[in-house]
Amino acid sequence: MTDAASAPAAAMTGRDRPLFLLSFRQRDELAGLAARAGWRVVAARRGEGADRRFLASGAAVAVVDARGSVADGLAAVRALAGQVSAAGGALLVLVSRGDAGRLGEFYDAGATQFLASPMREVEFVQALRFAARHARRVAGDAGAAPMAGEPLGWRYDPALRSLQLTPALAAMLDLAPAPSLRALLTRVEARDRGAMRAALARLRDGIQATAFAHDLPGAGRVVEHLQRDARTGRIHALIERLGEVDAGAVVRDVLTGVRDEAGMRRWIARRLDDGVTVAVVLVTLGRFDMVNTSYGRDAGDAVLRAASTRIGEAARAALGRRAVVARMGGAEFLVAAEGADATQLAAA
């Protein structure tokens, strides 16, 4: 996607409502494109609880990026279709051109629009506008579903060093509507500040939209969806309550069903902070690249799922519920357990 989008944000129906985006592999890229076009994006990388997250977001348009993950995309569309329809919304599906023959399945599952890749940025933005127009025709602006509760969020202007909170967030945190940045940062627990700093660093490095999860007093586990305005440099944050969504699912790896690297790091850090001994063993699949090269990504994904299952079964057989498995990236897995030593883990 290389062409800049030319459609003005003001032309979008539901501009005051977020866009719900589910992308298994390109979440931040797509969120950045939508943010650049003026949308406030609630973006997810995993399909668990997508229907509840869409409903809680108050979005009028949902996007499911099924490129490279057709089975997961179909499952997500089926899960979202009822909520999107009830909200008078639109459900846009992105597919690879090679999977265009399966569009009938997405239509039967409840999709209302589609876009095939490769695609240019302007085509993606226009598809969002068409989806928003569909939502207006179905529900009408007056009848559109309202956002669930008052929005939680903030805006920071680095040039003026000014911070503004939404009234609901200010009341929840017992802060002034325009507090100091330090006052807001102290509301993020120490164990989550590393994830926050990493997200802000991604914005500084040029990523336009990203997110991080943390605990928030009064709201429980939340995801902060951050967007940086390239023109003004302002950072906008929309805070999504996870509510009934399984918090573990948010940090669980989409391929293997185990925790991801960030989730494992938090798990270890919390136990070390509590003075608990933690043993870890790194497991690497040898010559894994040859599987992807010779048989394709689908075969590689199947190998990763099988490997994670075997590793998890072996670890839990030896250590019970103490064992935690995470995919750290590529073909590397980390097995950890509290109150154990590396010898016990290696024997497993």
Protein backbone atom coordinates (compact mmCIF):
# COMPACT_ATOMS: atom_id res chain seq x y z
CA MET A 1 0.00 0.00 0.00
CA THR A 2 1.76 3.11 -1.17
CA ASP A 3 -0.78 5.70 -2.31
CA ALA A 4 -1.79 8.34 0.20
CA ALA A 5 -5.50 8.44 0.97
CA SER A 6 -7.20 11.54 -0.27
CA ALA A 7 -10.63 11.22 1.33
CA PRO A 8 -11.27 13.83 4.03
CA ALA A 9 -12.04 12.41 7.43
CA ALA A 10 -15.05 14.68 7.71
CA ALA A 11 -16.77 12.71 4.97
CA MET A 12 -16.96 9.58 7.09
CA THR A 13 -20.17 8.48 8.69
CA GLY A 14 -19.66 7.66 12.35
CA ARG A 15 -16.44 9.66 12.63
CA ASP A 16 -17.27 10.20 16.29
CA ARG A 17 -17.41 6.44 16.79
CA PRO A 18 -14.39 4.12 16.77
CA LEU A 19 -13.50 1.66 14.07
CA PHE A 20 -13.10 -1.92 15.28
CA LEU A 21 -10.23 -3.68 13.49
CA LEU A 22 -9.19 -7.33 13.82
CA SER A 23 -6.00 -8.28 11.97
CA PHE A 24 -4.08 -11.43 12.81
CA ARG A 25 -0.83 -10.34 11.15
CA GLN A 26 -0.90 -6.64 10.21
CA ARG A 27 -2.79 -4.95 13.02
CA ASP A 28 -0.54 -1.93 13.51
CA GLU A 29 -0.10 -1.28 9.78
CA LEU A 30 -3.85 -1.23 9.10
CA ALA A 31 -4.58 0.72 12.28
CA GLY A 32 -2.07 3.32 11.14
CA LEU A 33 -3.73 3.69 7.75
CA ALA A 34 -7.16 4.09 9.33
CA ALA A 35 -5.83 6.55 11.91
CA ARG A 36 -4.21 8.64 9.18
CA ALA A 37 -7.63 8.87 7.51
CA GLY A 38 -9.22 10.19 10.70
CA TRP A 39 -10.64 7.12 12.38
CA ARG A 40 -10.28 6.38 16.09
CA VAL A 41 -9.20 2.76 16.00
CA VAL A 42 -9.79 -0.08 18.45
CA ALA A 43 -7.47 -2.73 17.05
CA ALA A 44 -7.09 -6.38 18.01
CA ARG A 45 -4.74 -9.13 16.92
CA ARG A 46 -6.65 -12.10 18.36
CA GLY A 47 -10.17 -13.28 17.71
CA GLU A 48 -11.09 -14.36 21.25
CA GLY A 49 -13.94 -12.21 22.57
CA ALA A 50 -14.06 -10.10 19.38
CA ASP A 51 -17.85 -9.87 19.49
CA ARG A 52 -17.83 -8.48 23.03
CA ARG A 53 -14.98 -6.10 22.25
CA PHE A 54 -16.81 -4.79 19.18
CA LEU A 55 -19.98 -4.20 21.19
CA ALA A 56 -18.09 -2.46 24.00
CA SER A 57 -16.21 -0.24 21.54
CA GLY A 58 -19.39 1.38 20.20
CA ALA A 59 -18.03 1.05 16.65
CA ALA A 60 -20.26 1.27 13.57
CA VAL A 61 -17.79 -0.53 11.30
CA ALA A 62 -15.86 -3.73 11.95
CA VAL A 63 -12.94 -4.84 9.77
CA VAL A 64 -11.69 -8.43 9.70
CA ASP A 65 -8.35 -8.91 7.96
CA ALA A 66 -8.44 -12.55 6.83
CA ARG A 67 -5.37 -12.35 4.60
CA GLY A 68 -3.24 -15.38 5.32
CA SER A 69 -5.68 -16.56 8.00
CA VAL A 70 -8.87 -17.53 6.18
CA ALA A 71 -10.10 -20.04 8.77
CA ASP A 72 -9.55 -17.60 11.64
CA GLY A 73 -11.13 -14.83 9.58
CA LEU A 74 -14.26 -16.86 8.90
CA ALA A 75 -14.58 -17.75 12.57
CA ALA A 76 -14.25 -14.07 13.50
CA VAL A 77 -16.87 -12.98 10.95
CA ARG A 78 -19.32 -15.57 12.26
CA ALA A 79 -18.71 -14.37 15.82
CA LEU A 80 -19.08 -10.69 14.91
CA ALA A 81 -21.94 -10.83 12.43
CA GLY A 82 -24.77 -10.90 14.97
CA GLN A 83 -23.44 -7.97 17.00
CA VAL A 84 -22.65 -5.92 13.89
CA SER A 85 -26.11 -6.52 12.47
CA ALA A 86 -27.81 -5.67 15.76
CA ALA A 87 -25.83 -2.42 15.92
CA GLY A 88 -26.85 -1.50 12.37
CA GLY A 89 -23.20 -1.64 11.38
CA ALA A 90 -21.03 -2.86 8.52
CA LEU A 91 -18.57 -5.74 8.41
CA LEU A 92 -15.70 -5.31 5.95
CA VAL A 93 -13.49 -8.32 5.15
CA LEU A 94 -10.00 -8.15 3.64
CA VAL A 95 -8.87 -11.23 1.71
CA SER A 96 -5.87 -12.19 -0.38
CA ARG A 97 -6.66 -12.27 -4.09
CA GLY A 98 -5.89 -15.98 -4.14
CA ASP A 99 -8.70 -16.53 -1.63
CA ALA A 100 -11.31 -14.55 -3.59
CA GLY A 101 -13.02 -17.82 -4.45
CA ARG A 102 -14.08 -18.10 -0.80
CA LEU A 103 -15.90 -14.78 -0.68
CA GLY A 104 -19.23 -16.63 -0.78
CA GLU A 105 -18.34 -18.22 2.56
CA PHE A 106 -17.65 -14.79 4.08
CA TYR A 107 -20.92 -13.46 2.67
CA ASP A 108 -22.84 -16.40 4.15
CA ALA A 109 -21.04 -15.81 7.47
CA GLY A 110 -22.32 -12.22 7.61
CA ALA A 111 -19.80 -9.95 5.86
CA THR A 112 -21.33 -6.90 4.14
CA GLN A 113 -18.28 -5.63 2.19
CA PHE A 114 -14.97 -7.02 0.99
CA LEU A 115 -11.64 -5.84 -0.40
CA ALA A 116 -9.04 -8.06 -2.07
CA SER A 117 -5.28 -7.60 -1.61
CA PRO A 118 -2.89 -6.38 -2.96
CA MET A 119 -4.52 -3.00 -2.47
CA ARG A 120 -3.47 0.61 -2.26
CA GLU A 121 -3.98 2.77 0.79
CA VAL A 122 -6.57 4.90 -0.97
CA GLU A 123 -8.56 1.76 -1.83
CA PHE A 124 -8.55 0.65 1.79
CA VAL A 125 -9.71 4.07 3.01
CA GLN A 126 -12.45 4.24 0.40
CA ALA A 127 -13.61 0.76 1.43
CA LEU A 128 -13.93 2.06 4.99
CA ARG A 129 -16.01 4.98 3.73
CA PHE A 130 -18.29 2.66 1.77
CA ALA A 131 -18.70 0.48 4.86
CA ALA A 132 -19.58 3.54 6.93
CA ARG A 133 -22.13 4.58 4.30
CA HIS A 134 -23.66 1.11 4.47
CA ALA A 135 -23.95 1.47 8.24
CA ARG A 136 -25.74 4.80 7.80
CA ARG A 137 -28.19 3.32 5.34
CA VAL A 138 -28.94 0.36 7.59
CA ALA A 139 -29.31 2.17 10.88
CA GLY A 140 -29.31 5.88 10.11
CA ASP A 141 -27.24 8.32 12.15
CA ALA A 142 -30.10 8.85 14.62
CA GLY A 143 -30.64 5.15 15.15
CA ALA A 144 -27.03 4.08 15.38
CA ALA A 145 -26.07 2.19 18.50
CA PRO A 146 -24.55 4.51 21.13
CA MET A 147 -21.16 3.91 22.62
CA ALA A 148 -21.19 1.71 25.69
CA GLY A 149 -20.82 4.22 28.51
CA GLU A 150 -18.80 7.42 28.46
CA PRO A 151 -15.51 7.13 26.56
CA LEU A 152 -12.24 6.79 28.44
CA GLY A 153 -9.28 8.50 26.83
CA TRP A 154 -6.79 11.32 26.77
CA ARG A 155 -4.88 13.62 24.41
CA TYR A 156 -1.33 14.87 24.83
CA ASP A 157 0.16 17.81 22.92
CA PRO A 158 3.99 17.60 23.19
CA ALA A 159 4.49 21.10 21.79
CA LEU A 160 2.40 22.66 24.54
CA ARG A 161 3.14 19.91 27.09
CA SER A 162 -0.60 19.80 27.76
CA LEU A 163 -2.67 16.77 28.68
CA GLN A 164 -6.46 16.50 28.55
CA LEU A 165 -8.55 13.64 29.92
CA THR A 166 -12.10 12.74 29.01
CA PRO A 167 -14.49 13.54 31.90
CA ALA A 168 -15.13 9.84 32.54
CA LEU A 169 -11.41 9.05 32.84
CA ALA A 170 -10.73 12.07 35.05
CA ALA A 171 -13.54 11.02 37.40
CA MET A 172 -12.42 7.39 37.48
CA LEU A 173 -8.82 8.29 38.34
CA ASP A 174 -9.78 11.20 40.62
CA LEU A 175 -7.66 13.58 38.56
CA ALA A 176 -8.22 17.07 37.20
CA PRO A 177 -9.38 17.22 33.56
CA ALA A 178 -5.95 18.62 32.63
CA PRO A 179 -3.46 16.98 35.04
CA SER A 180 0.29 16.77 34.72
CA LEU A 181 1.64 13.96 32.57
CA ARG A 182 3.41 12.57 35.63
CA ALA A 183 0.12 12.33 37.51
CA LEU A 184 -1.36 10.20 34.75
CA LEU A 185 1.72 7.99 34.42
CA THR A 186 1.65 7.17 38.13
CA ARG A 187 -1.75 5.52 37.55
CA VAL A 188 0.01 2.88 35.42
CA GLU A 189 1.43 0.16 37.64
CA ALA A 190 5.21 -0.18 37.67
CA ARG A 191 5.11 -3.66 36.13
CA ASP A 192 3.20 -2.29 33.10
CA ARG A 193 5.31 0.79 32.44
CA GLY A 194 7.75 -1.11 30.24
CA ALA A 195 4.91 -1.95 27.84
CA MET A 196 3.78 1.67 27.91
CA ARG A 197 7.28 2.99 27.17
CA ALA A 198 7.65 0.50 24.31
CA ALA A 199 4.34 1.66 22.79
CA LEU A 200 5.37 5.32 23.01
CA ALA A 201 8.74 4.44 21.47
CA ARG A 202 6.95 2.84 18.52
CA LEU A 203 5.07 6.10 17.96
CA ARG A 204 8.32 8.07 18.08
CA ASP A 205 9.81 5.67 15.53
CA GLY A 206 7.08 6.51 13.05
CA ILE A 207 4.34 3.94 13.73
CA GLN A 208 1.10 5.88 13.63
CA ALA A 209 -1.08 3.57 15.72
CA THR A 210 -0.26 0.96 18.35
CA ALA A 211 -1.57 -0.39 21.65
CA PHE A 212 -0.56 -1.81 25.00
CA ALA A 213 -2.42 -3.57 27.82
CA HIS A 214 -2.27 -2.75 31.53
CA ASP A 215 -4.27 -2.66 34.75
CA LEU A 216 -6.17 0.57 35.45
CA PRO A 217 -7.61 1.42 38.88
CA GLY A 218 -11.38 1.32 38.69
CA ALA A 219 -11.49 -0.38 35.29
CA GLY A 220 -9.47 -3.57 35.65
CA ARG A 221 -7.54 -4.78 32.62
CA VAL A 222 -7.63 -2.35 29.70
CA VAL A 223 -6.01 -1.82 26.33
CA GLU A 224 -4.84 1.70 25.44
CA HIS A 225 -5.08 2.33 21.70
CA LEU A 226 -2.58 5.08 20.87
CA GLN A 227 -2.56 7.17 17.70
CA ARG A 228 -0.12 9.90 16.72
CA ASP A 229 -1.24 12.73 14.49
CA ALA A 230 1.57 13.10 11.95
CA ARG A 231 0.67 16.73 11.27
CA THR A 232 0.40 18.07 14.83
CA GLY A 233 2.42 15.46 16.74
CA ARG A 234 -0.42 15.04 19.24
CA ILE A 235 -0.99 11.63 20.79
CA HIS A 236 -4.58 10.45 21.20
CA ALA A 237 -5.49 7.50 23.43
CA LEU A 238 -8.73 5.54 23.47
CA ILE A 239 -8.99 3.19 26.46
CA GLU A 240 -10.84 -0.07 25.89
CA ARG A 241 -12.14 -1.96 28.88
CA LEU A 242 -11.65 -5.67 28.42
CA GLY A 243 -14.68 -6.37 30.59
CA GLU A 244 -15.70 -9.99 30.34
CA VAL A 245 -13.04 -10.82 27.76
CA ASP A 246 -10.50 -13.30 29.08
CA ALA A 247 -7.51 -11.11 29.91
CA GLY A 248 -5.21 -14.02 29.20
CA ALA A 249 -6.55 -14.22 25.66
CA VAL A 250 -5.30 -10.73 24.94
CA VAL A 251 -1.71 -11.82 25.45
CA ARG A 252 -2.12 -15.34 24.08
CA ASP A 253 -0.34 -16.23 20.86
CA VAL A 254 -2.71 -16.46 17.89
CA LEU A 255 -0.93 -19.46 16.37
CA THR A 256 -0.31 -21.66 19.35
CA GLY A 257 -2.84 -20.73 22.00
CA VAL A 258 -0.10 -20.03 24.57
CA ARG A 259 1.13 -16.77 26.01
CA ASP A 260 3.26 -14.44 23.89
CA GLU A 261 6.60 -12.88 24.83
CA ALA A 262 5.12 -9.78 26.45
CA GLY A 263 2.72 -11.87 28.53
CA MET A 264 5.50 -14.18 29.66
CA ARG A 265 7.72 -11.26 30.65
CA ARG A 266 4.90 -9.82 32.78
CA TRP A 267 4.26 -13.23 34.36
CA ILE A 268 7.93 -13.64 35.30
CA ALA A 269 8.30 -10.03 36.49
CA ARG A 270 5.32 -10.28 38.85
CA ARG A 271 6.65 -13.44 40.48
CA LEU A 272 10.14 -12.04 40.85
CA ASP A 273 8.66 -8.89 42.41
CA ASP A 274 6.94 -11.18 44.92
CA GLY A 275 10.24 -12.92 45.71
CA VAL A 276 9.21 -16.19 44.03
CA THR A 277 11.89 -18.35 42.39
CA VAL A 278 11.23 -18.94 38.69
CA ALA A 279 13.00 -21.47 36.48
CA VAL A 280 13.02 -21.06 32.70
CA VAL A 281 14.11 -23.22 29.78
CA LEU A 282 14.29 -22.09 26.14
CA VAL A 283 13.12 -24.63 23.54
CA THR A 284 14.00 -24.09 19.87
CA LEU A 285 12.77 -26.07 16.87
CA GLY A 286 15.78 -26.93 14.72
CA ARG A 287 15.70 -26.26 10.96
CA PHE A 288 12.19 -24.85 11.18
CA ASP A 289 12.80 -22.42 8.31
CA MET A 290 13.06 -25.39 5.96
CA VAL A 291 9.43 -26.29 6.72
CA ASN A 292 8.15 -22.87 5.68
CA THR A 293 10.39 -22.82 2.62
CA SER A 294 9.54 -26.33 1.44
CA TYR A 295 5.89 -26.69 2.40
CA GLY A 296 4.57 -23.15 2.94
CA ARG A 297 3.42 -21.06 5.89
CA ASP A 298 0.29 -23.10 6.59
CA ALA A 299 2.45 -26.19 7.16
CA GLY A 300 4.80 -24.17 9.35
CA ASP A 301 1.88 -22.89 11.44
CA ALA A 302 0.64 -26.45 11.88
CA VAL A 303 4.10 -27.51 13.10
CA LEU A 304 4.15 -24.65 15.62
CA ARG A 305 0.73 -25.60 16.96
CA ALA A 306 1.74 -29.24 17.30
CA ALA A 307 5.03 -28.31 18.95
CA SER A 308 3.35 -25.99 21.46
CA THR A 309 0.91 -28.74 22.39
CA ARG A 310 3.68 -31.29 22.91
CA ILE A 311 5.82 -28.87 24.91
CA GLY A 312 2.88 -27.82 27.08
CA GLU A 313 1.82 -31.42 27.74
CA ALA A 314 5.33 -32.46 28.73
CA ALA A 315 5.82 -29.47 31.01
CA ARG A 316 2.48 -29.90 32.76
CA ALA A 317 2.98 -33.65 33.13
CA ALA A 318 6.17 -32.99 35.04
CA LEU A 319 5.24 -29.82 36.92
CA GLY A 320 1.45 -29.61 36.93
CA ARG A 321 -0.28 -26.23 36.83
CA ARG A 322 2.94 -24.44 37.75
CA ALA A 323 4.18 -24.74 34.15
CA VAL A 324 3.61 -21.86 31.72
CA VAL A 325 4.56 -22.00 28.03
CA ALA A 326 5.07 -19.00 25.73
CA ARG A 327 6.02 -18.67 22.10
CA MET A 328 8.75 -16.05 22.07
CA GLY A 329 8.81 -15.60 18.31
CA GLY A 330 9.76 -17.67 15.31
CA ALA A 331 10.31 -21.24 16.44
CA GLU A 332 11.35 -20.45 20.01
CA PHE A 333 9.31 -21.35 23.08
CA LEU A 334 9.97 -20.54 26.72
CA VAL A 335 8.86 -22.88 29.50
CA ALA A 336 8.70 -21.37 32.99
CA ALA A 337 7.56 -22.57 36.39
CA GLU A 338 7.56 -21.05 39.85
CA GLY A 339 9.12 -22.96 42.70
CA ALA A 340 11.07 -25.23 40.33
CA ASP A 341 14.62 -25.38 39.06
CA ALA A 342 16.03 -25.65 35.56
CA THR A 343 16.94 -29.30 36.10
CA GLN A 344 13.30 -30.23 36.67
CA LEU A 345 12.25 -28.29 33.58
CA ALA A 346 14.96 -29.83 31.41
CA ALA A 347 13.91 -33.31 32.54
CA ALA A 348 10.35 -32.56 31.45
